[in-house]
Amino acid sequence: MIPEIEKQKELLKELNTFPMPFGKYTGTKLINLPSYYLEWFERKGFPEGKLGQMLRLLYEIKLNGLEDIVRKIK
């Protein structure tokens, strides 16, 4: 498989298990973050690095109503 596709696949899996490392939702699995929190990051700027990539991806997923599909990825 193409390396970039594998990378995206792993990020999707991690959305179900990766805990938010800081802020009001510390410890909450990323997939469970409320949309308004992701919208705030969209306005203010996502963090750098892998966390920022995952939050940006999750924002797009929730924006497009694909959250349930991601929840099924194991």
C-alpha atoms as a PDB file:
ATOM      1  CA  MET A   1       0.000   0.000   0.000  1.00  0.00           C
ATOM      2  CA  ILE A   2       1.095   3.580  -0.571  1.00  0.00           C
ATOM      3  CA  PRO A   3       2.925   4.943   2.521  1.00  0.00           C
ATOM      4  CA  GLU A   4       0.725   8.073   2.732  1.00  0.00           C
ATOM      5  CA  ILE A   5      -2.444   5.957   2.715  1.00  0.00           C
ATOM      6  CA  GLU A   6      -1.016   3.770   5.488  1.00  0.00           C
ATOM      7  CA  LYS A   7      -0.200   6.888   7.506  1.00  0.00           C
ATOM      8  CA  GLN A   8      -3.770   8.176   7.141  1.00  0.00           C
ATOM      9  CA  LYS A   9      -5.163   4.760   8.058  1.00  0.00           C
ATOM     10  CA  GLU A  10      -3.127   4.740  11.274  1.00  0.00           C
ATOM     11  CA  LEU A  11      -4.271   8.283  12.138  1.00  0.00           C
ATOM     12  CA  LEU A  12      -7.899   7.210  11.703  1.00  0.00           C
ATOM     13  CA  LYS A  13      -7.371   4.261  14.054  1.00  0.00           C
ATOM     14  CA  GLU A  14      -5.702   6.473  16.639  1.00  0.00           C
ATOM     15  CA  LEU A  15      -8.642   8.897  16.722  1.00  0.00           C
ATOM     16  CA  ASN A  16     -10.515   6.180  18.645  1.00  0.00           C
ATOM     17  CA  THR A  17      -7.807   5.638  21.254  1.00  0.00           C
ATOM     18  CA  PHE A  18      -5.605   8.741  21.526  1.00  0.00           C
ATOM     19  CA  PRO A  19      -6.398  10.881  24.592  1.00  0.00           C
ATOM     20  CA  MET A  20      -6.421  14.666  24.423  1.00  0.00           C
ATOM     21  CA  PRO A  21      -3.191  15.605  26.239  1.00  0.00           C
ATOM     22  CA  PHE A  22      -4.168  19.069  27.509  1.00  0.00           C
ATOM     23  CA  GLY A  23      -6.952  21.562  28.133  1.00  0.00           C
ATOM     24  CA  LYS A  24     -10.527  21.241  29.261  1.00  0.00           C
ATOM     25  CA  TYR A  25     -10.856  17.785  27.680  1.00  0.00           C
ATOM     26  CA  THR A  26      -7.614  16.251  28.984  1.00  0.00           C
ATOM     27  CA  GLY A  27      -7.903  12.464  28.810  1.00  0.00           C
ATOM     28  CA  THR A  28     -10.922  12.448  26.467  1.00  0.00           C
ATOM     29  CA  LYS A  29     -10.474  10.244  23.402  1.00  0.00           C
ATOM     30  CA  LEU A  30     -10.126  12.497  20.368  1.00  0.00           C
ATOM     31  CA  ILE A  31     -13.145  10.961  18.624  1.00  0.00           C
ATOM     32  CA  ASN A  32     -15.273  12.036  21.598  1.00  0.00           C
ATOM     33  CA  LEU A  33     -14.258  15.702  21.495  1.00  0.00           C
ATOM     34  CA  PRO A  34     -17.227  17.991  20.834  1.00  0.00           C
ATOM     35  CA  SER A  35     -17.451  19.668  17.452  1.00  0.00           C
ATOM     36  CA  TYR A  36     -17.423  23.161  18.954  1.00  0.00           C
ATOM     37  CA  TYR A  37     -13.990  22.445  20.477  1.00  0.00           C
ATOM     38  CA  LEU A  38     -12.628  21.432  17.065  1.00  0.00           C
ATOM     39  CA  GLU A  39     -14.227  24.508  15.513  1.00  0.00           C
ATOM     40  CA  TRP A  40     -12.375  26.624  18.079  1.00  0.00           C
ATOM     41  CA  PHE A  41      -9.079  25.063  16.969  1.00  0.00           C
ATOM     42  CA  GLU A  42     -10.032  25.738  13.349  1.00  0.00           C
ATOM     43  CA  ARG A  43     -10.413  29.444  14.167  1.00  0.00           C
ATOM     44  CA  LYS A  44      -7.424  29.773  16.530  1.00  0.00           C
ATOM     45  CA  GLY A  45      -5.034  27.295  14.899  1.00  0.00           C
ATOM     46  CA  PHE A  46      -4.368  23.621  15.399  1.00  0.00           C
ATOM     47  CA  PRO A  47      -1.351  22.512  17.433  1.00  0.00           C
ATOM     48  CA  GLU A  48       1.827  21.527  15.614  1.00  0.00           C
ATOM     49  CA  GLY A  49       2.813  17.953  14.911  1.00  0.00           C
ATOM     50  CA  LYS A  50       0.862  14.725  14.986  1.00  0.00           C
ATOM     51  CA  LEU A  51      -1.779  15.986  17.423  1.00  0.00           C
ATOM     52  CA  GLY A  52      -2.550  18.884  15.112  1.00  0.00           C
ATOM     53  CA  GLN A  53      -2.826  16.512  12.145  1.00  0.00           C
ATOM     54  CA  MET A  54      -5.242  14.293  14.040  1.00  0.00           C
ATOM     55  CA  LEU A  55      -7.381  17.207  15.254  1.00  0.00           C
ATOM     56  CA  ARG A  56      -7.486  18.718  11.759  1.00  0.00           C
ATOM     57  CA  LEU A  57      -8.517  15.346  10.313  1.00  0.00           C
ATOM     58  CA  LEU A  58     -11.161  14.884  13.013  1.00  0.00           C
ATOM     59  CA  TYR A  59     -12.523  18.366  12.331  1.00  0.00           C
ATOM     60  CA  GLU A  60     -13.046  17.446   8.655  1.00  0.00           C
ATOM     61  CA  ILE A  61     -14.577  14.095   9.597  1.00  0.00           C
ATOM     62  CA  LYS A  62     -17.111  15.646  11.971  1.00  0.00           C
ATOM     63  CA  LEU A  63     -17.819  18.498   9.565  1.00  0.00           C
ATOM     64  CA  ASN A  64     -18.783  15.936   6.914  1.00  0.00           C
ATOM     65  CA  GLY A  65     -20.771  13.660   9.221  1.00  0.00           C
ATOM     66  CA  LEU A  66     -18.377  10.709   8.973  1.00  0.00           C
ATOM     67  CA  GLU A  67     -17.811  10.232  12.697  1.00  0.00           C
ATOM     68  CA  ASP A  68     -19.686   6.899  12.884  1.00  0.00           C
ATOM     69  CA  ILE A  69     -17.520   5.402  10.159  1.00  0.00           C
ATOM     70  CA  VAL A  70     -14.350   6.302  12.069  1.00  0.00           C
ATOM     71  CA  ARG A  71     -15.759   4.788  15.263  1.00  0.00           C
ATOM     72  CA  LYS A  72     -16.050   1.428  13.446  1.00  0.00           C
ATOM     73  CA  ILE A  73     -12.390   1.381  12.393  1.00  0.00           C
ATOM     74  CA  LYS A  74     -10.384  -0.885  14.677  1.00  0.00           C
END
